[in-house]
Structures are given as structure tokens and as C-alpha cells.
PDB file of all heavy atoms in Angstrom:
ATOM      1  N   SER A   1    -114.923 -99.387 -11.699  1.00  0.00           N
ATOM      2  CA  SER A   1    -114.696-100.708 -11.308  1.00  0.00           C
ATOM      3  C   SER A   1    -115.848-101.293 -10.317  1.00  0.00           C
ATOM      4  O   SER A   1    -116.180-100.553  -9.435  1.00  0.00           O
ATOM      5  CB  SER A   1    -113.314-100.836 -10.669  1.00  0.00           C
ATOM      6  OG  SER A   1    -113.110-102.162 -10.210  1.00  0.00           O
ATOM      7  N   PHE A   2    -116.097-102.402 -10.545  1.00  0.00           N
ATOM      8  CA  PHE A   2    -117.044-103.118  -9.518  1.00  0.00           C
ATOM      9  C   PHE A   2    -116.323-103.226  -8.183  1.00  0.00           C
ATOM     10  O   PHE A   2    -117.073-103.149  -7.160  1.00  0.00           O
ATOM     11  CB  PHE A   2    -117.263-104.631 -10.079  1.00  0.00           C
ATOM     12  CG  PHE A   2    -117.852-105.563  -9.044  1.00  0.00           C
ATOM     13  CD1 PHE A   2    -119.209-105.640  -8.939  1.00  0.00           C
ATOM     14  CD2 PHE A   2    -117.108-106.327  -8.291  1.00  0.00           C
ATOM     15  CE1 PHE A   2    -119.832-106.441  -7.991  1.00  0.00           C
ATOM     16  CE2 PHE A   2    -117.635-107.194  -7.374  1.00  0.00           C
ATOM     17  CZ  PHE A   2    -119.091-107.195  -7.151  1.00  0.00           C
ATOM     18  N   PHE A   3    -115.101-103.375  -8.096  1.00  0.00           N
ATOM     19  CA  PHE A   3    -114.340-103.509  -6.727  1.00  0.00           C
ATOM     20  C   PHE A   3    -114.379-102.160  -5.941  1.00  0.00           C
ATOM     21  O   PHE A   3    -114.167-102.239  -4.808  1.00  0.00           O
ATOM     22  CB  PHE A   3    -112.913-103.893  -7.026  1.00  0.00           C
ATOM     23  CG  PHE A   3    -112.812-105.291  -7.706  1.00  0.00           C
ATOM     24  CD1 PHE A   3    -112.153-105.362  -8.928  1.00  0.00           C
ATOM     25  CD2 PHE A   3    -113.488-106.394  -7.269  1.00  0.00           C
ATOM     26  CE1 PHE A   3    -112.019-106.621  -9.653  1.00  0.00           C
ATOM     27  CE2 PHE A   3    -113.342-107.652  -7.980  1.00  0.00           C
ATOM     28  CZ  PHE A   3    -112.625-107.709  -9.150  1.00  0.00           C
ATOM     29  N   LEU A   4    -114.819-101.204  -6.671  1.00  0.00           N
ATOM     30  CA  LEU A   4    -114.825 -99.882  -5.976  1.00  0.00           C
ATOM     31  C   LEU A   4    -116.196 -99.597  -5.347  1.00  0.00           C
ATOM     32  O   LEU A   4    -116.376 -99.402  -4.182  1.00  0.00           O
ATOM     33  CB  LEU A   4    -114.484 -98.731  -6.936  1.00  0.00           C
ATOM     34  CG  LEU A   4    -114.426 -97.323  -6.327  1.00  0.00           C
ATOM     35  CD1 LEU A   4    -113.256 -97.237  -5.383  1.00  0.00           C
ATOM     36  CD2 LEU A   4    -114.301 -96.319  -7.485  1.00  0.00           C
ATOM     37  N   THR A   5    -117.254 -99.716  -6.240  1.00  0.00           N
ATOM     38  CA  THR A   5    -118.639 -99.361  -5.819  1.00  0.00           C
ATOM     39  C   THR A   5    -119.595-100.539  -5.700  1.00  0.00           C
ATOM     40  O   THR A   5    -120.666-100.363  -5.187  1.00  0.00           O
ATOM     41  CB  THR A   5    -119.297 -98.354  -6.823  1.00  0.00           C
ATOM     42  OG1 THR A   5    -119.414 -99.048  -8.087  1.00  0.00           O
ATOM     43  CG2 THR A   5    -118.386 -97.142  -6.971  1.00  0.00           C
ATOM     44  N   GLY A   6    -119.189-101.651  -6.163  1.00  0.00           N
ATOM     45  CA  GLY A   6    -120.014-102.905  -6.068  1.00  0.00           C
ATOM     46  C   GLY A   6    -120.942-103.036  -7.360  1.00  0.00           C
ATOM     47  O   GLY A   6    -121.648-103.981  -7.472  1.00  0.00           O
ATOM     48  N   THR A   7    -120.883-101.976  -8.216  1.00  0.00           N
ATOM     49  CA  THR A   7    -121.665-102.000  -9.458  1.00  0.00           C
ATOM     50  C   THR A   7    -120.839-101.491 -10.582  1.00  0.00           C
ATOM     51  O   THR A   7    -120.330-100.388 -10.511  1.00  0.00           O
ATOM     52  CB  THR A   7    -122.873-101.104  -9.393  1.00  0.00           C
ATOM     53  OG1 THR A   7    -123.695-101.595  -8.321  1.00  0.00           O
ATOM     54  CG2 THR A   7    -123.644-101.165 -10.620  1.00  0.00           C
ATOM     55  N   GLN A   8    -120.571-102.314 -11.497  1.00  0.00           N
ATOM     56  CA  GLN A   8    -119.715-101.925 -12.700  1.00  0.00           C
ATOM     57  C   GLN A   8    -120.335-100.657 -13.386  1.00  0.00           C
ATOM     58  O   GLN A   8    -121.454-100.725 -13.770  1.00  0.00           O
ATOM     59  CB  GLN A   8    -119.352-103.012 -13.643  1.00  0.00           C
ATOM     60  CG  GLN A   8    -118.428-102.690 -14.720  1.00  0.00           C
ATOM     61  CD  GLN A   8    -118.074-103.841 -15.536  1.00  0.00           C
ATOM     62  OE1 GLN A   8    -118.728-104.889 -15.485  1.00  0.00           O
ATOM     63  NE2 GLN A   8    -116.981-103.768 -16.362  1.00  0.00           N
ATOM     64  N   GLY A   9    -119.481 -99.607 -13.639  1.00  0.00           N
ATOM     65  CA  GLY A   9    -120.009 -98.473 -14.272  1.00  0.00           C
ATOM     66  C   GLY A   9    -120.596 -97.364 -13.413  1.00  0.00           C
ATOM     67  O   GLY A   9    -120.860 -96.340 -13.844  1.00  0.00           O
ATOM     68  N   LYS A  10    -120.727 -97.743 -12.035  1.00  0.00           N
ATOM     69  CA  LYS A  10    -121.253 -96.720 -11.100  1.00  0.00           C
ATOM     70  C   LYS A  10    -120.103 -95.896 -10.504  1.00  0.00           C
ATOM     71  O   LYS A  10    -119.179 -96.484  -9.940  1.00  0.00           O
ATOM     72  CB  LYS A  10    -122.024 -97.439 -10.003  1.00  0.00           C
ATOM     73  CG  LYS A  10    -122.600 -96.483  -8.989  1.00  0.00           C
ATOM     74  CD  LYS A  10    -123.342 -97.262  -7.915  1.00  0.00           C
ATOM     75  CE  LYS A  10    -123.925 -96.256  -6.851  1.00  0.00           C
ATOM     76  NZ  LYS A  10    -124.569 -97.022  -5.758  1.00  0.00           N
ATOM     77  N   ALA A  11    -120.219 -94.618 -10.496  1.00  0.00           N
ATOM     78  CA  ALA A  11    -119.259 -93.679  -9.928  1.00  0.00           C
ATOM     79  C   ALA A  11    -119.434 -93.617  -8.424  1.00  0.00           C
ATOM     80  O   ALA A  11    -120.448 -93.822  -7.908  1.00  0.00           O
ATOM     81  CB  ALA A  11    -119.356 -92.318 -10.524  1.00  0.00           C
ATOM     82  N   PRO A  12    -118.335 -93.149  -7.676  1.00  0.00           N
ATOM     83  CA  PRO A  12    -118.539 -93.076  -6.258  1.00  0.00           C
ATOM     84  C   PRO A  12    -119.463 -91.931  -6.000  1.00  0.00           C
ATOM     85  O   PRO A  12    -119.561 -90.980  -6.696  1.00  0.00           O
ATOM     86  CB  PRO A  12    -117.047 -92.664  -5.863  1.00  0.00           C
ATOM     87  CG  PRO A  12    -116.198 -93.134  -6.870  1.00  0.00           C
ATOM     88  CD  PRO A  12    -117.022 -93.010  -8.176  1.00  0.00           C
ATOM     89  N   GLU A  13    -120.285 -92.045  -4.849  1.00  0.00           N
ATOM     90  CA  GLU A  13    -121.196 -91.054  -4.365  1.00  0.00           C
ATOM     91  C   GLU A  13    -120.982 -90.825  -2.960  1.00  0.00           C
ATOM     92  O   GLU A  13    -121.059 -91.730  -2.087  1.00  0.00           O
ATOM     93  CB  GLU A  13    -122.603 -91.458  -4.644  1.00  0.00           C
ATOM     94  CG  GLU A  13    -122.963 -91.629  -6.034  1.00  0.00           C
ATOM     95  CD  GLU A  13    -124.458 -92.153  -6.239  1.00  0.00           C
ATOM     96  OE1 GLU A  13    -125.176 -92.217  -5.309  1.00  0.00           O
ATOM     97  OE2 GLU A  13    -124.815 -92.556  -7.372  1.00  0.00           O
ATOM     98  N   PRO A  14    -120.678 -89.553  -2.578  1.00  0.00           N
ATOM     99  CA  PRO A  14    -120.543 -88.371  -3.348  1.00  0.00           C
ATOM    100  C   PRO A  14    -119.258 -88.531  -4.173  1.00  0.00           C
ATOM    101  O   PRO A  14    -118.368 -89.195  -3.923  1.00  0.00           O
ATOM    102  CB  PRO A  14    -120.349 -87.204  -2.380  1.00  0.00           C
ATOM    103  CG  PRO A  14    -119.892 -87.862  -1.097  1.00  0.00           C
ATOM    104  CD  PRO A  14    -120.572 -89.177  -1.069  1.00  0.00           C
ATOM    105  N   TYR A  15    -119.216 -87.917  -5.402  1.00  0.00           N
ATOM    106  CA  TYR A  15    -118.229 -88.139  -6.345  1.00  0.00           C
ATOM    107  C   TYR A  15    -116.806 -87.682  -5.875  1.00  0.00           C
ATOM    108  O   TYR A  15    -116.620 -86.612  -5.230  1.00  0.00           O
ATOM    109  CB  TYR A  15    -118.588 -87.338  -7.635  1.00  0.00           C
ATOM    110  CG  TYR A  15    -117.448 -87.480  -8.659  1.00  0.00           C
ATOM    111  CD1 TYR A  15    -117.264 -88.616  -9.484  1.00  0.00           C
ATOM    112  CD2 TYR A  15    -116.422 -86.601  -8.716  1.00  0.00           C
ATOM    113  CE1 TYR A  15    -116.211 -88.764 -10.273  1.00  0.00           C
ATOM    114  CE2 TYR A  15    -115.346 -86.681  -9.604  1.00  0.00           C
ATOM    115  CZ  TYR A  15    -115.290 -87.801 -10.443  1.00  0.00           C
ATOM    116  OH  TYR A  15    -114.264 -87.953 -11.253  1.00  0.00           O
ATOM    117  N   TYR A  16    -115.889 -88.507  -6.178  1.00  0.00           N
ATOM    118  CA  TYR A  16    -114.438 -88.151  -6.134  1.00  0.00           C
ATOM    119  C   TYR A  16    -113.677 -88.988  -7.067  1.00  0.00           C
ATOM    120  O   TYR A  16    -114.213 -90.157  -7.491  1.00  0.00           O
ATOM    121  CB  TYR A  16    -113.922 -88.295  -4.579  1.00  0.00           C
ATOM    122  CG  TYR A  16    -113.474 -89.629  -4.136  1.00  0.00           C
ATOM    123  CD1 TYR A  16    -112.105 -89.878  -3.978  1.00  0.00           C
ATOM    124  CD2 TYR A  16    -114.400 -90.736  -4.054  1.00  0.00           C
ATOM    125  CE1 TYR A  16    -111.747 -91.153  -3.504  1.00  0.00           C
ATOM    126  CE2 TYR A  16    -113.934 -91.983  -3.602  1.00  0.00           C
ATOM    127  CZ  TYR A  16    -112.615 -92.216  -3.367  1.00  0.00           C
ATOM    128  OH  TYR A  16    -112.153 -93.395  -2.974  1.00  0.00           O
ATOM    129  N   ASP A  17    -112.500 -88.653  -7.322  1.00  0.00           N
ATOM    130  CA  ASP A  17    -111.610 -89.442  -8.206  1.00  0.00           C
ATOM    131  C   ASP A  17    -110.621 -90.175  -7.335  1.00  0.00           C
ATOM    132  O   ASP A  17    -109.669 -89.619  -6.803  1.00  0.00           O
ATOM    133  CB  ASP A  17    -110.914 -88.567  -9.237  1.00  0.00           C
ATOM    134  CG  ASP A  17    -110.107 -89.335 -10.279  1.00  0.00           C
ATOM    135  OD1 ASP A  17    -109.552 -90.421  -9.919  1.00  0.00           O
ATOM    136  OD2 ASP A  17    -110.045 -88.887 -11.405  1.00  0.00           O
ATOM    137  N   PRO A  18    -110.796 -91.491  -7.098  1.00  0.00           N
ATOM    138  CA  PRO A  18    -109.840 -92.213  -6.198  1.00  0.00           C
ATOM    139  C   PRO A  18    -108.359 -92.128  -6.599  1.00  0.00           C
ATOM    140  O   PRO A  18    -107.576 -91.929  -5.786  1.00  0.00           O
ATOM    141  CB  PRO A  18    -110.321 -93.729  -6.312  1.00  0.00           C
ATOM    142  CG  PRO A  18    -111.828 -93.591  -6.746  1.00  0.00           C
ATOM    143  CD  PRO A  18    -111.876 -92.353  -7.615  1.00  0.00           C
ATOM    144  N   LEU A  19    -108.020 -92.183  -7.840  1.00  0.00           N
ATOM    145  CA  LEU A  19    -106.607 -92.094  -8.307  1.00  0.00           C
ATOM    146  C   LEU A  19    -106.123 -90.746  -7.889  1.00  0.00           C
ATOM    147  O   LEU A  19    -104.918 -90.612  -7.392  1.00  0.00           O
ATOM    148  CB  LEU A  19    -106.456 -92.341  -9.823  1.00  0.00           C
ATOM    149  CG  LEU A  19    -105.033 -92.181 -10.302  1.00  0.00           C
ATOM    150  CD1 LEU A  19    -104.039 -93.039  -9.562  1.00  0.00           C
ATOM    151  CD2 LEU A  19    -104.984 -92.528 -11.814  1.00  0.00           C
ATOM    152  N   GLN A  20    -106.790 -89.625  -8.210  1.00  0.00           N
ATOM    153  CA  GLN A  20    -106.310 -88.321  -7.857  1.00  0.00           C
ATOM    154  C   GLN A  20    -106.136 -88.159  -6.367  1.00  0.00           C
ATOM    155  O   GLN A  20    -105.185 -87.688  -5.882  1.00  0.00           O
ATOM    156  CB  GLN A  20    -107.312 -87.297  -8.385  1.00  0.00           C
ATOM    157  CG  GLN A  20    -106.789 -85.808  -8.199  1.00  0.00           C
ATOM    158  CD  GLN A  20    -105.479 -85.551  -8.918  1.00  0.00           C
ATOM    159  OE1 GLN A  20    -105.396 -86.074 -10.013  1.00  0.00           O
ATOM    160  NE2 GLN A  20    -104.602 -84.818  -8.301  1.00  0.00           N
ATOM    161  N   PHE A  21    -107.063 -88.768  -5.546  1.00  0.00           N
ATOM    162  CA  PHE A  21    -106.952 -88.781  -4.135  1.00  0.00           C
ATOM    163  C   PHE A  21    -105.729 -89.479  -3.641  1.00  0.00           C
ATOM    164  O   PHE A  21    -104.912 -89.000  -2.790  1.00  0.00           O
ATOM    165  CB  PHE A  21    -108.159 -89.427  -3.515  1.00  0.00           C
ATOM    166  CG  PHE A  21    -108.213 -89.516  -2.038  1.00  0.00           C
ATOM    167  CD1 PHE A  21    -108.652 -88.409  -1.285  1.00  0.00           C
ATOM    168  CD2 PHE A  21    -107.718 -90.531  -1.354  1.00  0.00           C
ATOM    169  CE1 PHE A  21    -108.648 -88.379   0.150  1.00  0.00           C
ATOM    170  CE2 PHE A  21    -107.701 -90.601   0.045  1.00  0.00           C
ATOM    171  CZ  PHE A  21    -108.204 -89.520   0.793  1.00  0.00           C
ATOM    172  N   TRP A  22    -105.403 -90.692  -4.282  1.00  0.00           N
ATOM    173  CA  TRP A  22    -104.237 -91.482  -3.855  1.00  0.00           C
ATOM    174  C   TRP A  22    -102.932 -90.700  -4.266  1.00  0.00           C
ATOM    175  O   TRP A  22    -102.019 -90.762  -3.486  1.00  0.00           O
ATOM    176  CB  TRP A  22    -104.232 -92.750  -4.545  1.00  0.00           C
ATOM    177  CG  TRP A  22    -105.082 -93.827  -3.796  1.00  0.00           C
ATOM    178  CD1 TRP A  22    -106.378 -94.048  -3.791  1.00  0.00           C
ATOM    179  CD2 TRP A  22    -104.513 -94.854  -2.943  1.00  0.00           C
ATOM    180  NE1 TRP A  22    -106.753 -95.163  -2.987  1.00  0.00           N
ATOM    181  CE2 TRP A  22    -105.575 -95.624  -2.427  1.00  0.00           C
ATOM    182  CE3 TRP A  22    -103.192 -95.214  -2.537  1.00  0.00           C
ATOM    183  CZ2 TRP A  22    -105.413 -96.701  -1.575  1.00  0.00           C
ATOM    184  CZ3 TRP A  22    -103.013 -96.269  -1.704  1.00  0.00           C
ATOM    185  CH2 TRP A  22    -104.072 -97.005  -1.224  1.00  0.00           C
ATOM    186  N   ILE A  23    -102.968 -90.115  -5.401  1.00  0.00           N
ATOM    187  CA  ILE A  23    -101.730 -89.400  -5.825  1.00  0.00           C
ATOM    188  C   ILE A  23    -101.432 -88.238  -4.830  1.00  0.00           C
ATOM    189  O   ILE A  23    -100.320 -88.125  -4.458  1.00  0.00           O
ATOM    190  CB  ILE A  23    -101.879 -88.869  -7.321  1.00  0.00           C
ATOM    191  CG1 ILE A  23    -101.960 -89.924  -8.255  1.00  0.00           C
ATOM    192  CG2 ILE A  23    -100.796 -87.848  -7.636  1.00  0.00           C
ATOM    193  CD1 ILE A  23    -102.391 -89.525  -9.710  1.00  0.00           C
ATOM    194  N   GLU A  24    -102.403 -87.449  -4.584  1.00  0.00           N
ATOM    195  CA  GLU A  24    -102.127 -86.277  -3.646  1.00  0.00           C
ATOM    196  C   GLU A  24    -101.740 -86.699  -2.370  1.00  0.00           C
ATOM    197  O   GLU A  24    -100.789 -86.180  -1.771  1.00  0.00           O
ATOM    198  CB  GLU A  24    -103.347 -85.401  -3.627  1.00  0.00           C
ATOM    199  CG  GLU A  24    -103.727 -84.690  -4.896  1.00  0.00           C
ATOM    200  CD  GLU A  24    -102.652 -83.698  -5.293  1.00  0.00           C
ATOM    201  OE1 GLU A  24    -102.067 -83.054  -4.373  1.00  0.00           O
ATOM    202  OE2 GLU A  24    -102.433 -83.498  -6.536  1.00  0.00           O
ATOM    203  N   ALA A  25    -102.449 -87.750  -1.774  1.00  0.00           N
ATOM    204  CA  ALA A  25    -102.082 -88.268  -0.451  1.00  0.00           C
ATOM    205  C   ALA A  25    -100.776 -88.926  -0.372  1.00  0.00           C
ATOM    206  O   ALA A  25    -100.029 -88.703   0.571  1.00  0.00           O
ATOM    207  CB  ALA A  25    -103.202 -89.179   0.017  1.00  0.00           C
ATOM    208  N   ALA A  26    -100.355 -89.596  -1.439  1.00  0.00           N
ATOM    209  CA  ALA A  26     -99.043 -90.246  -1.487  1.00  0.00           C
ATOM    210  C   ALA A  26     -97.950 -89.204  -1.519  1.00  0.00           C
ATOM    211  O   ALA A  26     -96.949 -89.200  -0.841  1.00  0.00           O
ATOM    212  CB  ALA A  26     -98.980 -91.166  -2.662  1.00  0.00           C
ATOM    213  N   HIS A  27     -98.108 -88.201  -2.471  1.00  0.00           N
ATOM    214  CA  HIS A  27     -97.173 -87.208  -2.619  1.00  0.00           C
ATOM    215  C   HIS A  27     -96.909 -86.371  -1.351  1.00  0.00           C
ATOM    216  O   HIS A  27     -95.793 -85.948  -1.047  1.00  0.00           O
ATOM    217  CB  HIS A  27     -97.446 -86.295  -3.775  1.00  0.00           C
ATOM    218  CG  HIS A  27     -97.206 -86.999  -5.113  1.00  0.00           C
ATOM    219  ND1 HIS A  27     -97.576 -86.455  -6.344  1.00  0.00           N
ATOM    220  CD2 HIS A  27     -96.653 -88.198  -5.409  1.00  0.00           C
ATOM    221  CE1 HIS A  27     -97.247 -87.284  -7.382  1.00  0.00           C
ATOM    222  NE2 HIS A  27     -96.718 -88.393  -6.757  1.00  0.00           N
ATOM    223  N   ASP A  28     -98.034 -86.045  -0.678  1.00  0.00           N
ATOM    224  CA  ASP A  28     -97.943 -85.387   0.571  1.00  0.00           C
ATOM    225  C   ASP A  28     -97.132 -86.061   1.659  1.00  0.00           C
ATOM    226  O   ASP A  28     -96.666 -85.409   2.617  1.00  0.00           O
ATOM    227  CB  ASP A  28     -99.360 -85.008   1.114  1.00  0.00           C
ATOM    228  CG  ASP A  28    -100.040 -83.850   0.351  1.00  0.00           C
ATOM    229  OD1 ASP A  28     -99.326 -83.213  -0.404  1.00  0.00           O
ATOM    230  OD2 ASP A  28    -101.278 -83.739   0.458  1.00  0.00           O
ATOM    231  N   ARG A  29     -96.993 -87.344   1.458  1.00  0.00           N
ATOM    232  CA  ARG A  29     -96.238 -88.116   2.457  1.00  0.00           C
ATOM    233  C   ARG A  29     -94.874 -88.560   1.899  1.00  0.00           C
ATOM    234  O   ARG A  29     -94.231 -89.381   2.437  1.00  0.00           O
ATOM    235  CB  ARG A  29     -97.065 -89.491   2.795  1.00  0.00           C
ATOM    236  CG  ARG A  29     -98.220 -89.076   3.704  1.00  0.00           C
ATOM    237  CD  ARG A  29     -99.397 -90.159   3.598  1.00  0.00           C
ATOM    238  NE  ARG A  29    -100.431 -89.754   4.531  1.00  0.00           N
ATOM    239  CZ  ARG A  29    -101.334 -88.906   4.316  1.00  0.00           C
ATOM    240  NH1 ARG A  29    -101.314 -88.239   3.060  1.00  0.00           N
ATOM    241  NH2 ARG A  29    -102.382 -88.609   5.106  1.00  0.00           N
ATOM    242  N   GLY A  30     -94.490 -87.895   0.839  1.00  0.00           N
ATOM    243  CA  GLY A  30     -93.092 -88.242   0.215  1.00  0.00           C
ATOM    244  C   GLY A  30     -93.076 -89.524  -0.429  1.00  0.00           C
ATOM    245  O   GLY A  30     -91.912 -90.127  -0.598  1.00  0.00           O
TER     246      GLY A  30
END
């Protein structure tokens, strides 16, 4: 998403998967 990196098609650098990050962090907080 453009709303993530400012360029459509560009992955985060350094790489991480935002959805996986949100899932783990949410579940760790119940």
C-alpha cells in the first residue's frame, strides 16, 4: 500500500509484515 511506504508496491525497509506484527501485538494484549 501507498499509505504504508509512500510508494505503491514498495515493501517496508527493513522488511516486516505489518499485519503479522499487529496480530501478535493484539493477541499479546488480549
